[in-house]
Amino acid sequence: MGYWASKERVAVGLGRDRLRLLVARGNGSVSVAHSGSRALPPGALRGGLRAPVSADGEVIATALNELLDDARSDGLLRRRPDLVALVITDGSVKLAAAPIEGEIPGVAEGGRMARWVLRELLPAEADAARVDWTIMAAAGVGAAEPERWMLSAGGDAALLREYESLVEPFGWTVGRIVPWTLAAASVHDGAPGPEGESPVADQPLRRLILCEADGTLACMFEAGGVPRFHRAWRAQIAGDRVADELPSLRRYVNDHLEMTIGHVCLCGTADWSTAVADACDAVGLEVRRVDPEKALAGALRG
């Protein structure tokens, strides 16, 4: 996952219509020192599972340079950081979680298992995909031995390499690539357990994360801290149109995962979040909000 050689950590949020920069300080904990964003012209960045990502690298470089100048005017980034986290569109990666029984796999075996889990999700051949994995323990389920899950993430190697190339002109080495929903999931949104209480043995914390911080809609359903379902839409979906997607998402969680949605976590612009919150309220779903800045900071943790 990378070692942060500098006390200043940098997260770059790449979206279809906006570029974000966050500078944080600290070892272990993350304290935000600066954040900013720039609008991008239509089509400057594309979302999808295959390259190319950028239609105009010069536009992106200019926007990032302006954000760097702002950070330096605050006395930050006098030295360029050795590592940076990229937060990218969910449409460029695939996520899948599978339960683990027995011993935790070693590096080589874990890599093979992750590729097997993602084999039908990635459009690239096995040797053309970049895959990462981690072991997670399901939290808040009250069991003496929490369930262990393998979370696998992968994407086309050429596409991820192009994402990395966007920041290399600044002398940066990418240490972590995170999709927006996973970054938002790293933020505790303060929601209580069922009926405002702590979760009991058979009621792990469950939340549906809806995110449009990159300009497109993506969702992830999380139970006990483990992602169980992930989806990204190719087209932009306005906040008031998300209401059309909620019934099918709810049915999938109820029927396929045999769970219920405890609450919805929204990560996006203020106007979009307000419109989606109204749609959730209309169908009885409780809402919490995570600011995109906090999601960027979350990508720097761990």
C-alpha atoms as a PDB file:
ATOM      1  CA  MET A   1       0.000   0.000   0.000  1.00  0.00           C
ATOM      2  CA  GLY A   2       2.970   2.319   0.183  1.00  0.00           C
ATOM      3  CA  TYR A   3       5.012   4.139   2.800  1.00  0.00           C
ATOM      4  CA  TRP A   4       4.594   7.880   3.218  1.00  0.00           C
ATOM      5  CA  ALA A   5       8.141   9.285   3.378  1.00  0.00           C
ATOM      6  CA  SER A   6       6.899  12.846   3.856  1.00  0.00           C
ATOM      7  CA  LYS A   7       4.626  14.157   6.606  1.00  0.00           C
ATOM      8  CA  GLU A   8       2.657  15.907   3.865  1.00  0.00           C
ATOM      9  CA  ARG A   9       0.309  13.572   2.037  1.00  0.00           C
ATOM     10  CA  VAL A  10      -1.475  14.422  -1.171  1.00  0.00           C
ATOM     11  CA  ALA A  11      -4.720  13.095  -2.621  1.00  0.00           C
ATOM     12  CA  VAL A  12      -5.833  13.984  -6.144  1.00  0.00           C
ATOM     13  CA  GLY A  13      -9.494  13.447  -6.984  1.00  0.00           C
ATOM     14  CA  LEU A  14     -10.050  12.905 -10.704  1.00  0.00           C
ATOM     15  CA  GLY A  15     -13.535  13.375 -12.087  1.00  0.00           C
ATOM     16  CA  ARG A  16     -15.351  13.849 -15.351  1.00  0.00           C
ATOM     17  CA  ASP A  17     -15.942  17.548 -14.700  1.00  0.00           C
ATOM     18  CA  ARG A  18     -13.747  18.454 -11.702  1.00  0.00           C
ATOM     19  CA  LEU A  19     -10.209  18.027 -10.420  1.00  0.00           C
ATOM     20  CA  ARG A  20      -9.621  18.115  -6.660  1.00  0.00           C
ATOM     21  CA  LEU A  21      -6.451  18.403  -4.582  1.00  0.00           C
ATOM     22  CA  LEU A  22      -6.107  17.756  -0.864  1.00  0.00           C
ATOM     23  CA  VAL A  23      -2.946  18.155   1.222  1.00  0.00           C
ATOM     24  CA  ALA A  24      -2.858  16.526   4.651  1.00  0.00           C
ATOM     25  CA  ARG A  25      -0.312  16.247   7.415  1.00  0.00           C
ATOM     26  CA  GLY A  26       0.428  13.580   9.989  1.00  0.00           C
ATOM     27  CA  ASN A  27       1.663  10.032  10.357  1.00  0.00           C
ATOM     28  CA  GLY A  28      -1.175   7.569  10.904  1.00  0.00           C
ATOM     29  CA  SER A  29      -3.904  10.134  11.533  1.00  0.00           C
ATOM     30  CA  VAL A  30      -4.795  12.607   8.797  1.00  0.00           C
ATOM     31  CA  SER A  31      -5.164  16.330   9.395  1.00  0.00           C
ATOM     32  CA  VAL A  32      -6.311  18.326   6.368  1.00  0.00           C
ATOM     33  CA  ALA A  33      -4.055  21.308   5.720  1.00  0.00           C
ATOM     34  CA  HIS A  34      -5.416  22.476   2.357  1.00  0.00           C
ATOM     35  CA  SER A  35      -7.999  21.550  -0.254  1.00  0.00           C
ATOM     36  CA  GLY A  36      -9.157  23.000  -3.540  1.00  0.00           C
ATOM     37  CA  SER A  37     -10.768  22.117  -6.843  1.00  0.00           C
ATOM     38  CA  ARG A  38     -10.959  23.251 -10.455  1.00  0.00           C
ATOM     39  CA  ALA A  39     -13.688  22.692 -13.007  1.00  0.00           C
ATOM     40  CA  LEU A  40     -12.671  20.763 -16.117  1.00  0.00           C
ATOM     41  CA  PRO A  41     -14.081  21.309 -19.618  1.00  0.00           C
ATOM     42  CA  PRO A  42     -16.508  18.652 -20.876  1.00  0.00           C
ATOM     43  CA  GLY A  43     -14.712  15.553 -22.097  1.00  0.00           C
ATOM     44  CA  ALA A  44     -11.330  16.317 -20.499  1.00  0.00           C
ATOM     45  CA  LEU A  45     -11.562  13.086 -18.510  1.00  0.00           C
ATOM     46  CA  ARG A  46     -13.460   9.953 -19.443  1.00  0.00           C
ATOM     47  CA  GLY A  47     -14.778   7.155 -17.278  1.00  0.00           C
ATOM     48  CA  GLY A  48     -14.675   3.509 -18.277  1.00  0.00           C
ATOM     49  CA  LEU A  49     -12.816   0.233 -17.977  1.00  0.00           C
ATOM     50  CA  ARG A  50     -10.461   0.855 -20.888  1.00  0.00           C
ATOM     51  CA  ALA A  51      -7.965   3.548 -21.864  1.00  0.00           C
ATOM     52  CA  PRO A  52      -7.745   6.322 -22.869  1.00  0.00           C
ATOM     53  CA  VAL A  53      -8.630   8.258 -19.721  1.00  0.00           C
ATOM     54  CA  SER A  54      -7.687  11.750 -20.836  1.00  0.00           C
ATOM     55  CA  ALA A  55      -8.719  13.615 -23.947  1.00  0.00           C
ATOM     56  CA  ASP A  56      -6.469  16.583 -23.111  1.00  0.00           C
ATOM     57  CA  GLY A  57      -3.598  16.010 -20.695  1.00  0.00           C
ATOM     58  CA  GLU A  58      -2.502  19.637 -21.002  1.00  0.00           C
ATOM     59  CA  VAL A  59      -5.819  20.895 -19.618  1.00  0.00           C
ATOM     60  CA  ILE A  60      -5.488  18.570 -16.633  1.00  0.00           C
ATOM     61  CA  ALA A  61      -1.857  19.583 -16.065  1.00  0.00           C
ATOM     62  CA  THR A  62      -2.837  23.266 -16.113  1.00  0.00           C
ATOM     63  CA  ALA A  63      -5.634  22.736 -13.590  1.00  0.00           C
ATOM     64  CA  LEU A  64      -3.356  20.737 -11.311  1.00  0.00           C
ATOM     65  CA  ASN A  65      -0.632  23.381 -11.571  1.00  0.00           C
ATOM     66  CA  GLU A  66      -3.112  26.038 -10.444  1.00  0.00           C
ATOM     67  CA  LEU A  67      -4.122  23.903  -7.462  1.00  0.00           C
ATOM     68  CA  LEU A  68      -0.472  23.348  -6.559  1.00  0.00           C
ATOM     69  CA  ASP A  69       0.182  27.094  -6.690  1.00  0.00           C
ATOM     70  CA  ASP A  70      -2.708  27.632  -4.269  1.00  0.00           C
ATOM     71  CA  ALA A  71      -1.303  25.032  -1.874  1.00  0.00           C
ATOM     72  CA  ARG A  72       2.189  26.534  -2.032  1.00  0.00           C
ATOM     73  CA  SER A  73       0.787  29.970  -1.283  1.00  0.00           C
ATOM     74  CA  ASP A  74      -0.394  28.429   2.009  1.00  0.00           C
ATOM     75  CA  GLY A  75       3.167  27.359   2.753  1.00  0.00           C
ATOM     76  CA  LEU A  76       2.633  23.740   1.724  1.00  0.00           C
ATOM     77  CA  LEU A  77       4.361  21.423  -0.742  1.00  0.00           C
ATOM     78  CA  ARG A  78       7.641  23.263  -0.670  1.00  0.00           C
ATOM     79  CA  ARG A  79       8.999  19.862  -1.539  1.00  0.00           C
ATOM     80  CA  ARG A  80       6.979  17.639  -3.780  1.00  0.00           C
ATOM     81  CA  PRO A  81       5.738  14.538  -1.977  1.00  0.00           C
ATOM     82  CA  ASP A  82       7.245  11.226  -2.934  1.00  0.00           C
ATOM     83  CA  LEU A  83       3.858   9.513  -3.021  1.00  0.00           C
ATOM     84  CA  VAL A  84       0.303  10.498  -3.854  1.00  0.00           C
ATOM     85  CA  ALA A  85      -3.130   8.859  -3.700  1.00  0.00           C
ATOM     86  CA  LEU A  86      -5.377   9.045  -6.750  1.00  0.00           C
ATOM     87  CA  VAL A  87      -9.136   8.876  -6.250  1.00  0.00           C
ATOM     88  CA  ILE A  88     -10.697   7.873  -9.548  1.00  0.00           C
ATOM     89  CA  THR A  89     -14.054   7.138 -11.107  1.00  0.00           C
ATOM     90  CA  ASP A  90     -15.653   3.871  -9.994  1.00  0.00           C
ATOM     91  CA  GLY A  91     -16.291   3.037 -13.624  1.00  0.00           C
ATOM     92  CA  SER A  92     -12.569   2.372 -14.114  1.00  0.00           C
ATOM     93  CA  VAL A  93     -12.293  -0.429 -11.552  1.00  0.00           C
ATOM     94  CA  LYS A  94     -14.118  -3.534 -10.413  1.00  0.00           C
ATOM     95  CA  LEU A  95     -14.557  -4.565  -6.783  1.00  0.00           C
ATOM     96  CA  ALA A  96     -15.598  -7.929  -5.394  1.00  0.00           C
ATOM     97  CA  ALA A  97     -15.566  -9.459  -1.904  1.00  0.00           C
ATOM     98  CA  ALA A  98     -15.479 -13.157  -1.059  1.00  0.00           C
ATOM     99  CA  PRO A  99     -15.504 -14.863   2.360  1.00  0.00           C
ATOM    100  CA  ILE A 100     -12.260 -16.449   3.530  1.00  0.00           C
ATOM    101  CA  GLU A 101     -12.141 -19.697   5.462  1.00  0.00           C
ATOM    102  CA  GLY A 102      -9.056 -21.133   7.060  1.00  0.00           C
ATOM    103  CA  GLU A 103      -5.644 -19.529   6.857  1.00  0.00           C
ATOM    104  CA  ILE A 104      -5.094 -16.082   5.355  1.00  0.00           C
ATOM    105  CA  PRO A 105      -3.451 -16.569   1.949  1.00  0.00           C
ATOM    106  CA  GLY A 106       0.097 -15.513   1.226  1.00  0.00           C
ATOM    107  CA  VAL A 107       0.965 -12.860  -1.343  1.00  0.00           C
ATOM    108  CA  ALA A 108       1.195 -15.187  -4.364  1.00  0.00           C
ATOM    109  CA  GLU A 109      -1.861 -17.262  -3.463  1.00  0.00           C
ATOM    110  CA  GLY A 110      -3.868 -14.137  -2.597  1.00  0.00           C
ATOM    111  CA  GLY A 111      -3.034 -12.628  -5.983  1.00  0.00           C
ATOM    112  CA  ARG A 112      -4.245 -15.768  -7.762  1.00  0.00           C
ATOM    113  CA  MET A 113      -7.437 -15.812  -5.713  1.00  0.00           C
ATOM    114  CA  ALA A 114      -8.133 -12.135  -6.424  1.00  0.00           C
ATOM    115  CA  ARG A 115      -7.722 -12.643 -10.163  1.00  0.00           C
ATOM    116  CA  TRP A 116     -10.072 -15.624 -10.019  1.00  0.00           C
ATOM    117  CA  VAL A 117     -12.715 -13.595  -8.156  1.00  0.00           C
ATOM    118  CA  LEU A 118     -12.489 -10.804 -10.762  1.00  0.00           C
ATOM    119  CA  ARG A 119     -12.105 -13.050 -13.801  1.00  0.00           C
ATOM    120  CA  GLU A 120     -15.588 -12.390 -15.216  1.00  0.00           C
ATOM    121  CA  LEU A 121     -15.722  -8.703 -14.273  1.00  0.00           C
ATOM    122  CA  LEU A 122     -12.667  -7.293 -16.037  1.00  0.00           C
ATOM    123  CA  PRO A 123     -12.622  -6.849 -19.815  1.00  0.00           C
ATOM    124  CA  ALA A 124      -8.844  -7.317 -19.990  1.00  0.00           C
ATOM    125  CA  GLU A 125      -7.006 -10.612 -20.243  1.00  0.00           C
ATOM    126  CA  ALA A 126      -5.570 -11.841 -16.958  1.00  0.00           C
ATOM    127  CA  ASP A 127      -2.028 -10.743 -17.790  1.00  0.00           C
ATOM    128  CA  ALA A 128      -3.272  -7.292 -18.897  1.00  0.00           C
ATOM    129  CA  ALA A 129      -5.074  -6.543 -15.626  1.00  0.00           C
ATOM    130  CA  ARG A 130      -3.706  -5.003 -12.453  1.00  0.00           C
ATOM    131  CA  VAL A 131      -5.210  -6.551  -9.334  1.00  0.00           C
ATOM    132  CA  ASP A 132      -4.842  -5.772  -5.640  1.00  0.00           C
ATOM    133  CA  TRP A 133      -6.444  -7.374  -2.588  1.00  0.00           C
ATOM    134  CA  THR A 134      -6.765  -7.070   1.168  1.00  0.00           C
ATOM    135  CA  ILE A 135      -8.287  -9.059   4.011  1.00  0.00           C
ATOM    136  CA  MET A 136     -11.124  -7.430   5.951  1.00  0.00           C
ATOM    137  CA  ALA A 137     -12.927  -8.494   9.123  1.00  0.00           C
ATOM    138  CA  ALA A 138     -16.672  -7.908   9.237  1.00  0.00           C
ATOM    139  CA  ALA A 139     -17.260  -5.537  12.140  1.00  0.00           C
ATOM    140  CA  GLY A 140     -20.224  -5.057  14.440  1.00  0.00           C
ATOM    141  CA  VAL A 141     -21.777  -8.504  14.072  1.00  0.00           C
ATOM    142  CA  GLY A 142     -21.235  -9.587  17.690  1.00  0.00           C
ATOM    143  CA  ALA A 143     -19.512 -12.887  16.855  1.00  0.00           C
ATOM    144  CA  ALA A 144     -16.545 -14.128  18.894  1.00  0.00           C
ATOM    145  CA  GLU A 145     -14.656 -14.689  15.638  1.00  0.00           C
ATOM    146  CA  PRO A 146     -15.569 -12.040  13.041  1.00  0.00           C
ATOM    147  CA  GLU A 147     -15.993 -13.206   9.471  1.00  0.00           C
ATOM    148  CA  ARG A 148     -13.002 -12.585   7.244  1.00  0.00           C
ATOM    149  CA  TRP A 149     -13.412 -11.431   3.677  1.00  0.00           C
ATOM    150  CA  MET A 150     -11.045 -10.891   0.777  1.00  0.00           C
ATOM    151  CA  LEU A 151     -11.714  -7.613  -1.019  1.00  0.00           C
ATOM    152  CA  SER A 152     -10.328  -7.718  -4.556  1.00  0.00           C
ATOM    153  CA  ALA A 153      -9.958  -4.660  -6.775  1.00  0.00           C
ATOM    154  CA  GLY A 154      -8.719  -4.556 -10.329  1.00  0.00           C
ATOM    155  CA  GLY A 155      -8.616  -2.685 -13.587  1.00  0.00           C
ATOM    156  CA  ASP A 156      -6.999  -2.632 -16.986  1.00  0.00           C
ATOM    157  CA  ALA A 157      -3.278  -2.103 -16.395  1.00  0.00           C
ATOM    158  CA  ALA A 158      -2.939   0.312 -19.327  1.00  0.00           C
ATOM    159  CA  LEU A 159      -5.820   2.432 -18.047  1.00  0.00           C
ATOM    160  CA  LEU A 160      -4.454   2.624 -14.498  1.00  0.00           C
ATOM    161  CA  ARG A 161      -1.026   3.415 -15.884  1.00  0.00           C
ATOM    162  CA  GLU A 162      -2.530   6.352 -17.776  1.00  0.00           C
ATOM    163  CA  TYR A 163      -4.094   7.662 -14.568  1.00  0.00           C
ATOM    164  CA  GLU A 164      -0.655   7.550 -12.958  1.00  0.00           C
ATOM    165  CA  SER A 165       0.915   9.349 -15.904  1.00  0.00           C
ATOM    166  CA  LEU A 166      -1.307  12.391 -15.302  1.00  0.00           C
ATOM    167  CA  VAL A 167       0.679  13.327 -12.180  1.00  0.00           C
ATOM    168  CA  GLU A 168       4.138  12.095 -13.180  1.00  0.00           C
ATOM    169  CA  PRO A 169       5.105  15.411 -14.839  1.00  0.00           C
ATOM    170  CA  PHE A 170       5.111  16.869 -11.321  1.00  0.00           C
ATOM    171  CA  GLY A 171       7.638  14.326 -10.114  1.00  0.00           C
ATOM    172  CA  TRP A 172       5.043  12.353  -8.177  1.00  0.00           C
ATOM    173  CA  THR A 173       4.945   8.600  -7.660  1.00  0.00           C
ATOM    174  CA  VAL A 174       1.490   7.129  -7.136  1.00  0.00           C
ATOM    175  CA  GLY A 175       1.234   5.020  -4.006  1.00  0.00           C
ATOM    176  CA  ARG A 176      -2.473   4.253  -4.015  1.00  0.00           C
ATOM    177  CA  ILE A 177      -5.386   4.265  -6.469  1.00  0.00           C
ATOM    178  CA  VAL A 178      -8.830   4.282  -4.852  1.00  0.00           C
ATOM    179  CA  PRO A 179     -12.325   4.512  -6.393  1.00  0.00           C
ATOM    180  CA  TRP A 180     -14.548   7.261  -5.022  1.00  0.00           C
ATOM    181  CA  THR A 181     -17.026   4.932  -3.269  1.00  0.00           C
ATOM    182  CA  LEU A 182     -14.234   3.161  -1.392  1.00  0.00           C
ATOM    183  CA  ALA A 183     -12.789   6.521  -0.362  1.00  0.00           C
ATOM    184  CA  ALA A 184     -16.206   7.601   0.923  1.00  0.00           C
ATOM    185  CA  ALA A 185     -16.609   4.279   2.731  1.00  0.00           C
ATOM    186  CA  SER A 186     -13.451   4.976   4.732  1.00  0.00           C
ATOM    187  CA  VAL A 187     -15.236   7.901   6.436  1.00  0.00           C
ATOM    188  CA  HIS A 188     -17.388   7.185   9.490  1.00  0.00           C
ATOM    189  CA  ASP A 189     -20.623   9.043   8.770  1.00  0.00           C
ATOM    190  CA  GLY A 190     -21.882   9.008  12.342  1.00  0.00           C
ATOM    191  CA  ALA A 191     -24.956   6.885  11.688  1.00  0.00           C
ATOM    192  CA  PRO A 192     -26.364   4.914  14.622  1.00  0.00           C
ATOM    193  CA  GLY A 193     -27.233   1.240  14.598  1.00  0.00           C
ATOM    194  CA  PRO A 194     -30.801  -0.073  14.208  1.00  0.00           C
ATOM    195  CA  GLU A 195     -33.299   2.105  16.103  1.00  0.00           C
ATOM    196  CA  GLY A 196     -30.439   4.376  17.175  1.00  0.00           C
ATOM    197  CA  GLU A 197     -28.686   1.639  19.148  1.00  0.00           C
ATOM    198  CA  SER A 198     -25.474  -0.337  18.755  1.00  0.00           C
ATOM    199  CA  PRO A 199     -25.762  -3.281  16.342  1.00  0.00           C
ATOM    200  CA  VAL A 200     -26.593  -6.673  17.832  1.00  0.00           C
ATOM    201  CA  ALA A 201     -25.302 -10.087  16.847  1.00  0.00           C
ATOM    202  CA  ASP A 202     -27.294 -10.520  13.646  1.00  0.00           C
ATOM    203  CA  GLN A 203     -27.532  -6.834  12.701  1.00  0.00           C
ATOM    204  CA  PRO A 204     -24.232  -5.529  11.320  1.00  0.00           C
ATOM    205  CA  LEU A 205     -24.089  -1.909  10.238  1.00  0.00           C
ATOM    206  CA  ARG A 206     -25.413  -1.743   6.690  1.00  0.00           C
ATOM    207  CA  ARG A 207     -25.244   1.252   4.404  1.00  0.00           C
ATOM    208  CA  LEU A 208     -25.693   2.053   0.746  1.00  0.00           C
ATOM    209  CA  ILE A 209     -23.100   4.538  -0.465  1.00  0.00           C
ATOM    210  CA  LEU A 210     -24.182   6.702  -3.396  1.00  0.00           C
ATOM    211  CA  CYS A 211     -21.464   8.859  -4.897  1.00  0.00           C
ATOM    212  CA  GLU A 212     -21.222  11.354  -7.750  1.00  0.00           C
ATOM    213  CA  ALA A 213     -18.088  13.220  -6.647  1.00  0.00           C
ATOM    214  CA  ASP A 214     -16.465  12.371  -9.988  1.00  0.00           C
ATOM    215  CA  GLY A 215     -19.476  13.529 -12.021  1.00  0.00           C
ATOM    216  CA  THR A 216     -20.994  10.069 -12.574  1.00  0.00           C
ATOM    217  CA  LEU A 217     -23.124   7.887 -10.323  1.00  0.00           C
ATOM    218  CA  ALA A 218     -21.663   4.913  -8.444  1.00  0.00           C
ATOM    219  CA  CYS A 219     -22.891   2.875  -5.519  1.00  0.00           C
ATOM    220  CA  MET A 220     -21.546   0.390  -2.999  1.00  0.00           C
ATOM    221  CA  PHE A 221     -23.453  -1.578  -0.385  1.00  0.00           C
ATOM    222  CA  GLU A 222     -21.445  -2.236   2.744  1.00  0.00           C
ATOM    223  CA  ALA A 223     -22.266  -4.587   5.641  1.00  0.00           C
ATOM    224  CA  GLY A 224     -20.096  -4.708   8.730  1.00  0.00           C
ATOM    225  CA  GLY A 225     -17.463  -2.632   6.969  1.00  0.00           C
ATOM    226  CA  VAL A 226     -17.154  -5.073   4.049  1.00  0.00           C
ATOM    227  CA  PRO A 227     -18.277  -4.095   0.509  1.00  0.00           C
ATOM    228  CA  ARG A 228     -20.831  -6.623  -0.735  1.00  0.00           C
ATOM    229  CA  PHE A 229     -22.049  -4.961  -3.925  1.00  0.00           C
ATOM    230  CA  HIS A 230     -20.537  -2.372  -6.280  1.00  0.00           C
ATOM    231  CA  ARG A 231     -21.892  -0.718  -9.404  1.00  0.00           C
ATOM    232  CA  ALA A 232     -20.962   2.255 -11.586  1.00  0.00           C
ATOM    233  CA  TRP A 233     -23.136   3.957 -14.195  1.00  0.00           C
ATOM    234  CA  ARG A 234     -21.543   5.195 -17.401  1.00  0.00           C
ATOM    235  CA  ALA A 235     -23.869   8.149 -17.893  1.00  0.00           C
ATOM    236  CA  GLN A 236     -24.370  11.119 -15.630  1.00  0.00           C
ATOM    237  CA  ILE A 237     -27.553  10.841 -13.559  1.00  0.00           C
ATOM    238  CA  ALA A 238     -29.025  13.976 -12.056  1.00  0.00           C
ATOM    239  CA  GLY A 239     -29.903  13.930  -8.386  1.00  0.00           C
ATOM    240  CA  ASP A 240     -33.652  13.917  -8.967  1.00  0.00           C
ATOM    241  CA  ARG A 241     -33.273  10.948 -11.346  1.00  0.00           C
ATOM    242  CA  VAL A 242     -31.530   8.775  -8.750  1.00  0.00           C
ATOM    243  CA  ALA A 243     -35.011   8.088  -7.389  1.00  0.00           C
ATOM    244  CA  ASP A 244     -35.562   5.845 -10.428  1.00  0.00           C
ATOM    245  CA  GLU A 245     -32.591   3.658  -9.395  1.00  0.00           C
ATOM    246  CA  LEU A 246     -33.462   3.239  -5.710  1.00  0.00           C
ATOM    247  CA  PRO A 247     -36.156   0.525  -6.073  1.00  0.00           C
ATOM    248  CA  SER A 248     -33.904  -1.850  -8.029  1.00  0.00           C
ATOM    249  CA  LEU A 249     -30.978  -1.265  -5.654  1.00  0.00           C
ATOM    250  CA  ARG A 250     -33.212  -1.961  -2.686  1.00  0.00           C
ATOM    251  CA  ARG A 251     -34.565  -5.151  -4.274  1.00  0.00           C
ATOM    252  CA  TYR A 252     -31.051  -6.403  -5.012  1.00  0.00           C
ATOM    253  CA  VAL A 253     -29.966  -5.892  -1.404  1.00  0.00           C
ATOM    254  CA  ASN A 254     -33.153  -7.500  -0.076  1.00  0.00           C
ATOM    255  CA  ASP A 255     -33.433 -10.454  -2.467  1.00  0.00           C
ATOM    256  CA  HIS A 256     -29.862 -11.256  -3.498  1.00  0.00           C
ATOM    257  CA  LEU A 257     -27.921 -10.305  -0.370  1.00  0.00           C
ATOM    258  CA  GLU A 258     -30.841 -11.059   1.973  1.00  0.00           C
ATOM    259  CA  MET A 259     -30.204  -7.866   3.906  1.00  0.00           C
ATOM    260  CA  THR A 260     -31.800  -4.467   4.343  1.00  0.00           C
ATOM    261  CA  ILE A 261     -30.376  -0.975   3.903  1.00  0.00           C
ATOM    262  CA  GLY A 262     -29.767   0.608   7.289  1.00  0.00           C
ATOM    263  CA  HIS A 263     -29.076   4.052   5.872  1.00  0.00           C
ATOM    264  CA  VAL A 264     -27.769   5.800   2.769  1.00  0.00           C
ATOM    265  CA  CYS A 265     -24.458   7.668   2.666  1.00  0.00           C
ATOM    266  CA  LEU A 266     -24.220  10.421   0.032  1.00  0.00           C
ATOM    267  CA  CYS A 267     -20.957  11.804  -1.352  1.00  0.00           C
ATOM    268  CA  GLY A 268     -21.296  14.507  -3.966  1.00  0.00           C
ATOM    269  CA  THR A 269     -22.095  18.134  -4.632  1.00  0.00           C
ATOM    270  CA  ALA A 270     -24.485  19.953  -2.309  1.00  0.00           C
ATOM    271  CA  ASP A 271     -27.262  20.281  -4.901  1.00  0.00           C
ATOM    272  CA  TRP A 272     -26.992  16.628  -5.961  1.00  0.00           C
ATOM    273  CA  SER A 273     -26.934  15.407  -2.361  1.00  0.00           C
ATOM    274  CA  THR A 274     -30.014  17.474  -1.485  1.00  0.00           C
ATOM    275  CA  ALA A 275     -31.961  16.071  -4.437  1.00  0.00           C
ATOM    276  CA  VAL A 276     -30.972  12.475  -3.629  1.00  0.00           C
ATOM    277  CA  ALA A 277     -31.720  12.993   0.071  1.00  0.00           C
ATOM    278  CA  ASP A 278     -35.250  14.074  -0.869  1.00  0.00           C
ATOM    279  CA  ALA A 279     -35.640  10.925  -3.000  1.00  0.00           C
ATOM    280  CA  CYS A 280     -34.416   8.711  -0.151  1.00  0.00           C
ATOM    281  CA  ASP A 281     -36.701  10.427   2.340  1.00  0.00           C
ATOM    282  CA  ALA A 282     -39.666   9.773   0.064  1.00  0.00           C
ATOM    283  CA  VAL A 283     -39.077   6.001   0.327  1.00  0.00           C
ATOM    284  CA  GLY A 284     -38.183   5.981   4.030  1.00  0.00           C
ATOM    285  CA  LEU A 285     -34.397   5.710   3.792  1.00  0.00           C
ATOM    286  CA  GLU A 286     -32.313   7.571   6.365  1.00  0.00           C
ATOM    287  CA  VAL A 287     -29.501   9.676   4.911  1.00  0.00           C
ATOM    288  CA  ARG A 288     -26.013  10.685   6.027  1.00  0.00           C
ATOM    289  CA  ARG A 289     -23.625  12.874   4.019  1.00  0.00           C
ATOM    290  CA  VAL A 290     -19.872  12.676   3.443  1.00  0.00           C
ATOM    291  CA  ASP A 291     -18.163  15.682   1.922  1.00  0.00           C
ATOM    292  CA  PRO A 292     -15.855  14.805  -1.028  1.00  0.00           C
ATOM    293  CA  GLU A 293     -13.004  16.475   0.874  1.00  0.00           C
ATOM    294  CA  LYS A 294     -13.415  13.968   3.707  1.00  0.00           C
ATOM    295  CA  ALA A 295     -13.468  11.135   1.181  1.00  0.00           C
ATOM    296  CA  LEU A 296     -10.152  12.352  -0.236  1.00  0.00           C
ATOM    297  CA  ALA A 297      -8.710  12.430   3.275  1.00  0.00           C
ATOM    298  CA  GLY A 298     -10.053   8.930   3.828  1.00  0.00           C
ATOM    299  CA  ALA A 299      -8.082   7.686   0.825  1.00  0.00           C
ATOM    300  CA  LEU A 300      -4.896   8.677   2.650  1.00  0.00           C
ATOM    301  CA  ARG A 301      -5.604   6.592   5.723  1.00  0.00           C
ATOM    302  CA  GLY A 302      -4.483   3.032   6.349  1.00  0.00           C
END
